[in-house]
N, C-alpha and C. Protein backbone atom coordinates (compact mmCIF):
# COMPACT_ATOMS: atom_id res chain seq x y z
N MET A 1 7.75 1.14 0.14
CA MET A 1 8.69 2.10 -0.36
C MET A 1 8.62 2.24 -1.89
N LEU A 2 8.47 1.12 -2.58
CA LEU A 2 8.37 1.17 -4.04
C LEU A 2 7.09 1.88 -4.47
N LYS A 3 6.00 1.63 -3.76
CA LYS A 3 4.73 2.28 -4.09
C LYS A 3 4.85 3.79 -3.88
N LYS A 4 5.48 4.22 -2.79
CA LYS A 4 5.66 5.64 -2.52
C LYS A 4 6.51 6.31 -3.60
N LYS A 5 7.58 5.65 -4.01
CA LYS A 5 8.43 6.22 -5.07
C LYS A 5 7.68 6.33 -6.39
N ALA A 6 6.87 5.32 -6.69
CA ALA A 6 6.05 5.37 -7.91
C ALA A 6 5.07 6.52 -7.81
N TRP A 7 4.43 6.66 -6.65
CA TRP A 7 3.46 7.75 -6.44
C TRP A 7 4.15 9.11 -6.58
N ASP A 8 5.33 9.27 -5.99
CA ASP A 8 6.03 10.55 -6.07
C ASP A 8 6.31 10.94 -7.53
N SER A 9 6.73 9.98 -8.34
CA SER A 9 6.99 10.26 -9.75
C SER A 9 5.70 10.60 -10.49
N PHE A 10 4.64 9.87 -10.21
CA PHE A 10 3.35 10.13 -10.83
C PHE A 10 2.83 11.52 -10.44
N SER A 11 2.91 11.84 -9.16
CA SER A 11 2.44 13.13 -8.66
C SER A 11 3.18 14.29 -9.32
N LYS A 12 4.50 14.18 -9.44
CA LYS A 12 5.29 15.23 -10.10
C LYS A 12 4.83 15.41 -11.54
N PHE A 13 4.60 14.30 -12.24
CA PHE A 13 4.14 14.37 -13.62
C PHE A 13 2.78 15.08 -13.70
N ILE A 14 1.84 14.69 -12.84
CA ILE A 14 0.49 15.29 -12.86
C ILE A 14 0.57 16.79 -12.64
N ARG A 15 1.34 17.23 -11.67
CA ARG A 15 1.43 18.66 -11.37
C ARG A 15 2.06 19.44 -12.52
N LEU A 16 3.09 18.85 -13.14
CA LEU A 16 3.71 19.51 -14.30
C LEU A 16 2.76 19.51 -15.49
N ARG A 17 2.14 18.36 -15.76
CA ARG A 17 1.18 18.26 -16.88
C ARG A 17 0.10 19.33 -16.74
N ASP A 18 -0.45 19.46 -15.55
CA ASP A 18 -1.54 20.42 -15.35
C ASP A 18 -1.06 21.86 -15.35
N GLY A 19 0.18 22.09 -14.92
CA GLY A 19 0.74 23.45 -15.03
C GLY A 19 0.83 23.88 -16.48
N ILE A 20 1.28 22.96 -17.32
CA ILE A 20 1.38 23.25 -18.75
C ILE A 20 -0.01 23.43 -19.35
N ARG A 21 -0.94 22.56 -18.98
CA ARG A 21 -2.30 22.64 -19.52
C ARG A 21 -3.04 23.90 -19.09
N THR A 22 -2.90 24.28 -17.82
CA THR A 22 -3.73 25.36 -17.28
C THR A 22 -3.08 26.74 -17.36
N MET A 23 -1.74 26.79 -17.29
CA MET A 23 -1.06 28.08 -17.23
C MET A 23 0.03 28.23 -18.29
N ASN A 24 0.22 27.16 -19.09
CA ASN A 24 1.36 27.12 -20.00
C ASN A 24 2.64 27.43 -19.24
N SER A 25 2.74 26.81 -18.05
CA SER A 25 3.85 27.06 -17.13
C SER A 25 4.35 25.75 -16.53
N LYS A 26 5.62 25.73 -16.24
CA LYS A 26 6.20 24.58 -15.55
C LYS A 26 6.35 24.84 -14.06
N THR A 27 5.94 26.01 -13.62
CA THR A 27 6.10 26.37 -12.21
C THR A 27 4.79 26.72 -11.51
N GLU A 28 3.76 27.08 -12.26
CA GLU A 28 2.47 27.44 -11.66
C GLU A 28 1.36 26.60 -12.28
N VAL A 29 0.31 26.41 -11.50
CA VAL A 29 -0.80 25.57 -11.94
C VAL A 29 -2.10 26.07 -11.32
N VAL A 30 -3.20 25.80 -11.99
CA VAL A 30 -4.53 26.15 -11.49
C VAL A 30 -5.12 24.91 -10.80
N CYS A 31 -5.64 25.09 -9.59
CA CYS A 31 -6.34 24.01 -8.89
C CYS A 31 -7.58 23.63 -9.68
N ILE A 32 -7.78 22.34 -9.89
CA ILE A 32 -8.90 21.88 -10.70
C ILE A 32 -10.25 22.23 -10.10
N THR A 33 -10.33 22.38 -8.78
CA THR A 33 -11.64 22.60 -8.18
C THR A 33 -11.93 24.04 -7.78
N CYS A 34 -10.95 24.78 -7.27
CA CYS A 34 -11.24 26.16 -6.86
C CYS A 34 -10.79 27.19 -7.89
N GLY A 35 -9.91 26.78 -8.82
CA GLY A 35 -9.48 27.68 -9.88
C GLY A 35 -8.41 28.67 -9.48
N LYS A 36 -7.88 28.57 -8.26
CA LYS A 36 -6.82 29.48 -7.83
C LYS A 36 -5.47 28.98 -8.34
N ILE A 37 -4.54 29.91 -8.45
CA ILE A 37 -3.20 29.60 -8.94
C ILE A 37 -2.27 29.31 -7.77
N TYR A 38 -1.49 28.24 -7.92
CA TYR A 38 -0.54 27.82 -6.89
C TYR A 38 0.77 27.40 -7.55
N PRO A 39 1.83 27.31 -6.76
CA PRO A 39 3.06 26.73 -7.29
C PRO A 39 2.83 25.25 -7.61
N ALA A 40 3.49 24.77 -8.63
CA ALA A 40 3.39 23.35 -8.98
C ALA A 40 4.29 22.50 -8.09
N PHE A 41 5.36 23.11 -7.57
CA PHE A 41 6.34 22.40 -6.76
C PHE A 41 6.82 23.29 -5.63
N GLY A 42 7.34 22.68 -4.59
CA GLY A 42 7.92 23.43 -3.49
C GLY A 42 6.90 23.82 -2.44
N SER A 43 7.26 24.79 -1.63
CA SER A 43 6.43 25.23 -0.51
C SER A 43 5.08 25.77 -0.99
N GLY A 44 4.02 25.29 -0.39
CA GLY A 44 2.67 25.74 -0.73
C GLY A 44 2.15 25.23 -2.06
N CYS A 45 2.79 24.21 -2.60
CA CYS A 45 2.40 23.71 -3.92
C CYS A 45 1.13 22.86 -3.86
N VAL A 46 0.57 22.64 -5.02
CA VAL A 46 -0.60 21.79 -5.16
C VAL A 46 -0.23 20.33 -4.90
N GLN A 47 -1.25 19.53 -4.75
CA GLN A 47 -1.09 18.09 -4.62
C GLN A 47 -1.70 17.44 -5.86
N ALA A 48 -1.45 16.16 -6.01
CA ALA A 48 -2.12 15.41 -7.07
C ALA A 48 -3.37 14.81 -6.42
N GLY A 49 -4.51 15.43 -6.69
CA GLY A 49 -5.76 15.04 -6.03
C GLY A 49 -6.58 14.10 -6.87
N HIS A 50 -7.08 13.07 -6.23
CA HIS A 50 -7.90 12.06 -6.92
C HIS A 50 -9.35 12.49 -7.02
N PHE A 51 -9.93 12.29 -8.19
CA PHE A 51 -11.36 12.52 -8.39
C PHE A 51 -12.16 11.50 -7.59
N VAL A 52 -11.75 10.26 -7.66
CA VAL A 52 -12.43 9.18 -6.94
C VAL A 52 -11.71 9.00 -5.62
N SER A 53 -12.45 9.10 -4.53
CA SER A 53 -11.82 8.96 -3.22
C SER A 53 -11.35 7.53 -3.02
N GLY A 54 -10.39 7.40 -2.14
CA GLY A 54 -9.81 6.09 -1.90
C GLY A 54 -8.64 5.89 -2.81
N ARG A 55 -7.58 5.39 -2.26
CA ARG A 55 -6.35 5.26 -3.04
C ARG A 55 -6.12 3.80 -3.40
N THR A 56 -7.15 3.16 -3.94
CA THR A 56 -6.98 1.78 -4.38
C THR A 56 -6.08 1.76 -5.60
N ASN A 57 -5.44 0.66 -5.84
CA ASN A 57 -4.54 0.58 -6.99
C ASN A 57 -5.27 0.79 -8.30
N ALA A 58 -6.56 0.53 -8.34
CA ALA A 58 -7.32 0.70 -9.58
C ALA A 58 -7.36 2.16 -10.01
N VAL A 59 -7.38 3.09 -9.07
CA VAL A 59 -7.48 4.51 -9.41
C VAL A 59 -6.22 5.30 -9.08
N LEU A 60 -5.30 4.70 -8.36
CA LEU A 60 -4.14 5.43 -7.87
C LEU A 60 -3.34 6.10 -8.98
N PHE A 61 -3.11 5.40 -10.06
CA PHE A 61 -2.28 5.93 -11.15
C PHE A 61 -3.10 6.18 -12.42
N GLU A 62 -4.36 6.50 -12.28
CA GLU A 62 -5.26 6.75 -13.41
C GLU A 62 -5.14 8.23 -13.80
N GLU A 63 -4.46 8.52 -14.89
CA GLU A 63 -4.16 9.90 -15.28
C GLU A 63 -5.40 10.78 -15.39
N ASN A 64 -6.48 10.28 -15.99
CA ASN A 64 -7.69 11.09 -16.14
C ASN A 64 -8.39 11.35 -14.81
N GLY A 65 -8.04 10.60 -13.78
CA GLY A 65 -8.70 10.74 -12.49
C GLY A 65 -7.89 11.47 -11.45
N VAL A 66 -6.76 12.03 -11.84
CA VAL A 66 -5.89 12.74 -10.90
C VAL A 66 -5.46 14.06 -11.52
N HIS A 67 -5.62 15.13 -10.74
CA HIS A 67 -5.30 16.47 -11.24
C HIS A 67 -4.69 17.31 -10.14
N ALA A 68 -4.04 18.40 -10.55
CA ALA A 68 -3.48 19.33 -9.58
C ALA A 68 -4.62 19.92 -8.75
N GLN A 69 -4.46 19.81 -7.43
CA GLN A 69 -5.50 20.29 -6.52
C GLN A 69 -4.83 20.87 -5.29
N CYS A 70 -5.30 22.01 -4.86
CA CYS A 70 -4.69 22.66 -3.70
C CYS A 70 -4.99 21.88 -2.41
N PHE A 71 -4.20 22.15 -1.39
CA PHE A 71 -4.33 21.48 -0.10
C PHE A 71 -5.73 21.67 0.48
N THR A 72 -6.24 22.89 0.38
CA THR A 72 -7.57 23.17 0.94
C THR A 72 -8.63 22.31 0.28
N CYS A 73 -8.66 22.27 -1.04
CA CYS A 73 -9.67 21.47 -1.74
C CYS A 73 -9.44 19.97 -1.52
N ASN A 74 -8.20 19.54 -1.62
CA ASN A 74 -7.89 18.11 -1.54
C ASN A 74 -8.05 17.55 -0.14
N VAL A 75 -7.56 18.28 0.86
CA VAL A 75 -7.54 17.73 2.23
C VAL A 75 -8.66 18.32 3.08
N ARG A 76 -8.68 19.62 3.23
CA ARG A 76 -9.67 20.24 4.12
C ARG A 76 -11.10 20.05 3.62
N LEU A 77 -11.29 20.13 2.30
CA LEU A 77 -12.63 19.96 1.73
C LEU A 77 -12.85 18.53 1.23
N LYS A 78 -11.95 17.63 1.62
CA LYS A 78 -12.05 16.20 1.30
C LYS A 78 -12.25 15.94 -0.20
N GLY A 79 -11.52 16.71 -1.01
CA GLY A 79 -11.55 16.51 -2.45
C GLY A 79 -12.49 17.45 -3.20
N ALA A 80 -13.26 18.26 -2.45
CA ALA A 80 -14.23 19.16 -3.10
C ALA A 80 -14.99 18.41 -4.18
N THR A 81 -15.58 17.28 -3.78
CA THR A 81 -16.11 16.30 -4.73
C THR A 81 -17.21 16.83 -5.66
N THR A 82 -18.07 17.69 -5.16
CA THR A 82 -19.14 18.21 -6.02
C THR A 82 -18.56 19.02 -7.17
N MET A 83 -17.66 19.93 -6.84
CA MET A 83 -17.04 20.76 -7.89
C MET A 83 -16.16 19.90 -8.79
N TYR A 84 -15.43 18.95 -8.20
CA TYR A 84 -14.55 18.09 -8.99
C TYR A 84 -15.38 17.33 -10.02
N ARG A 85 -16.52 16.81 -9.61
CA ARG A 85 -17.34 16.04 -10.55
C ARG A 85 -17.84 16.93 -11.69
N LEU A 86 -18.26 18.14 -11.38
CA LEU A 86 -18.72 19.06 -12.43
C LEU A 86 -17.61 19.33 -13.44
N VAL A 87 -16.40 19.53 -12.94
CA VAL A 87 -15.26 19.77 -13.82
C VAL A 87 -14.96 18.53 -14.66
N MET A 88 -15.03 17.37 -14.03
CA MET A 88 -14.75 16.12 -14.74
C MET A 88 -15.73 15.89 -15.89
N VAL A 89 -17.00 16.10 -15.64
CA VAL A 89 -18.00 15.91 -16.69
C VAL A 89 -17.76 16.90 -17.82
N ASP A 90 -17.44 18.13 -17.47
CA ASP A 90 -17.16 19.14 -18.49
C ASP A 90 -15.90 18.79 -19.29
N LYS A 91 -14.89 18.29 -18.61
CA LYS A 91 -13.60 18.02 -19.23
C LYS A 91 -13.59 16.71 -20.03
N TYR A 92 -14.18 15.66 -19.47
CA TYR A 92 -14.09 14.32 -20.06
C TYR A 92 -15.42 13.72 -20.51
N GLY A 93 -16.53 14.31 -20.09
CA GLY A 93 -17.84 13.76 -20.43
C GLY A 93 -18.35 12.82 -19.34
N GLU A 94 -19.65 12.58 -19.39
CA GLU A 94 -20.31 11.75 -18.38
C GLU A 94 -19.82 10.30 -18.41
N GLU A 95 -19.61 9.76 -19.60
CA GLU A 95 -19.21 8.35 -19.72
C GLU A 95 -17.86 8.09 -19.05
N GLU A 96 -16.88 8.94 -19.31
CA GLU A 96 -15.56 8.76 -18.70
C GLU A 96 -15.63 9.00 -17.19
N THR A 97 -16.41 9.98 -16.79
CA THR A 97 -16.57 10.26 -15.36
C THR A 97 -17.16 9.06 -14.64
N LEU A 98 -18.19 8.45 -15.22
CA LEU A 98 -18.79 7.26 -14.62
C LEU A 98 -17.80 6.09 -14.61
N ARG A 99 -17.02 5.95 -15.66
CA ARG A 99 -16.02 4.87 -15.70
C ARG A 99 -15.06 5.00 -14.52
N LEU A 100 -14.60 6.21 -14.29
CA LEU A 100 -13.67 6.44 -13.18
C LEU A 100 -14.35 6.18 -11.83
N GLU A 101 -15.58 6.63 -11.70
CA GLU A 101 -16.31 6.41 -10.45
C GLU A 101 -16.48 4.92 -10.15
N HIS A 102 -16.66 4.12 -11.17
CA HIS A 102 -16.87 2.69 -10.97
C HIS A 102 -15.57 1.91 -10.75
N MET A 103 -14.45 2.55 -10.99
CA MET A 103 -13.16 1.87 -10.79
C MET A 103 -12.88 1.56 -9.32
N ILE A 104 -13.55 2.25 -8.40
CA ILE A 104 -13.29 1.97 -6.99
C ILE A 104 -13.70 0.56 -6.60
N TYR A 105 -14.51 -0.07 -7.42
CA TYR A 105 -14.96 -1.43 -7.12
C TYR A 105 -14.03 -2.49 -7.68
N LYS A 106 -13.00 -2.07 -8.41
CA LYS A 106 -12.05 -3.01 -8.99
C LYS A 106 -10.89 -3.23 -8.02
N THR A 107 -10.37 -4.42 -8.05
CA THR A 107 -9.18 -4.74 -7.27
C THR A 107 -8.04 -5.05 -8.22
N ILE A 108 -6.97 -4.34 -8.06
CA ILE A 108 -5.78 -4.57 -8.86
C ILE A 108 -4.61 -4.77 -7.90
N LYS A 109 -3.91 -5.85 -8.10
CA LYS A 109 -2.74 -6.13 -7.28
C LYS A 109 -1.50 -5.79 -8.09
N LEU A 110 -0.69 -4.92 -7.53
CA LEU A 110 0.55 -4.53 -8.20
C LEU A 110 1.74 -5.12 -7.45
N THR A 111 2.74 -5.51 -8.21
CA THR A 111 3.95 -6.09 -7.64
C THR A 111 5.02 -5.02 -7.52
N GLY A 112 6.10 -5.37 -6.86
CA GLY A 112 7.24 -4.46 -6.79
C GLY A 112 7.73 -4.07 -8.17
N ALA A 113 7.77 -5.04 -9.07
CA ALA A 113 8.20 -4.76 -10.45
C ALA A 113 7.24 -3.78 -11.13
N ASP A 114 5.93 -3.90 -10.84
CA ASP A 114 4.95 -2.97 -11.41
C ASP A 114 5.24 -1.54 -10.94
N TYR A 115 5.52 -1.39 -9.65
CA TYR A 115 5.80 -0.05 -9.12
C TYR A 115 7.08 0.53 -9.71
N ILE A 116 8.06 -0.32 -9.93
CA ILE A 116 9.31 0.14 -10.57
C ILE A 116 9.01 0.61 -11.99
N ASP A 117 8.21 -0.14 -12.72
CA ASP A 117 7.84 0.25 -14.10
C ASP A 117 7.04 1.55 -14.11
N ILE A 118 6.12 1.69 -13.16
CA ILE A 118 5.32 2.93 -13.08
C ILE A 118 6.23 4.11 -12.80
N ARG A 119 7.15 3.94 -11.87
CA ARG A 119 8.08 5.03 -11.56
C ARG A 119 8.90 5.42 -12.78
N LYS A 120 9.44 4.45 -13.48
CA LYS A 120 10.24 4.73 -14.69
C LYS A 120 9.40 5.45 -15.73
N LYS A 121 8.17 4.97 -15.93
CA LYS A 121 7.27 5.57 -16.93
C LYS A 121 7.03 7.04 -16.63
N TYR A 122 6.74 7.38 -15.37
CA TYR A 122 6.41 8.76 -15.04
C TYR A 122 7.64 9.64 -14.87
N ASP A 123 8.77 9.06 -14.52
CA ASP A 123 10.02 9.83 -14.54
C ASP A 123 10.33 10.26 -15.97
N LEU A 124 10.12 9.35 -16.93
CA LEU A 124 10.37 9.66 -18.33
C LEU A 124 9.36 10.70 -18.85
N LYS A 125 8.09 10.52 -18.52
CA LYS A 125 7.07 11.49 -18.97
C LYS A 125 7.34 12.88 -18.38
N PHE A 126 7.77 12.92 -17.12
CA PHE A 126 8.11 14.19 -16.47
C PHE A 126 9.29 14.84 -17.21
N LYS A 127 10.32 14.06 -17.47
CA LYS A 127 11.50 14.58 -18.17
C LYS A 127 11.13 15.13 -19.55
N GLU A 128 10.29 14.41 -20.27
CA GLU A 128 9.87 14.86 -21.60
C GLU A 128 9.11 16.18 -21.52
N LEU A 129 8.24 16.33 -20.52
CA LEU A 129 7.52 17.59 -20.36
C LEU A 129 8.45 18.73 -19.95
N MET A 130 9.43 18.42 -19.10
CA MET A 130 10.38 19.46 -18.68
C MET A 130 11.20 19.96 -19.86
N GLU A 131 11.47 19.07 -20.80
CA GLU A 131 12.27 19.44 -21.98
C GLU A 131 11.44 20.13 -23.05
N LYS A 132 10.12 20.03 -22.92
CA LYS A 132 9.21 20.61 -23.91
C LYS A 132 9.30 22.13 -23.88
N LYS A 133 9.38 22.71 -25.05
CA LYS A 133 9.40 24.16 -25.17
C LYS A 133 7.99 24.71 -25.09
N LEU A 134 7.80 25.72 -24.30
CA LEU A 134 6.46 26.33 -24.16
C LEU A 134 6.32 27.56 -25.02
């Protein structure tokens, strides 16, 4: 339950962050892989899609490795990995992309207290972005 709550806060932050980055909007966002516009929240909204498959703790809350991604790209196309990688290299460079790809081999154990801290951190970051004037 603590992990899910931490994830929910992180996901909300990612979708808002990317809405501001891609559309200068708090309600709409561009999918990182297909480039289509979707709601950031509510019915038919984007998801927080991982660049590196697998939801290990090493990559689960890695901000550079998670972006707004539509249901089709994230679920039906299993992450649209080829396009996602091209975007990642363009956005962050080859070195950062490789760093993220290699994180799947790391094991990180998080405690209940860690998940509580993660949730608080992303609730605060979300609030700060919501208060930000566009």
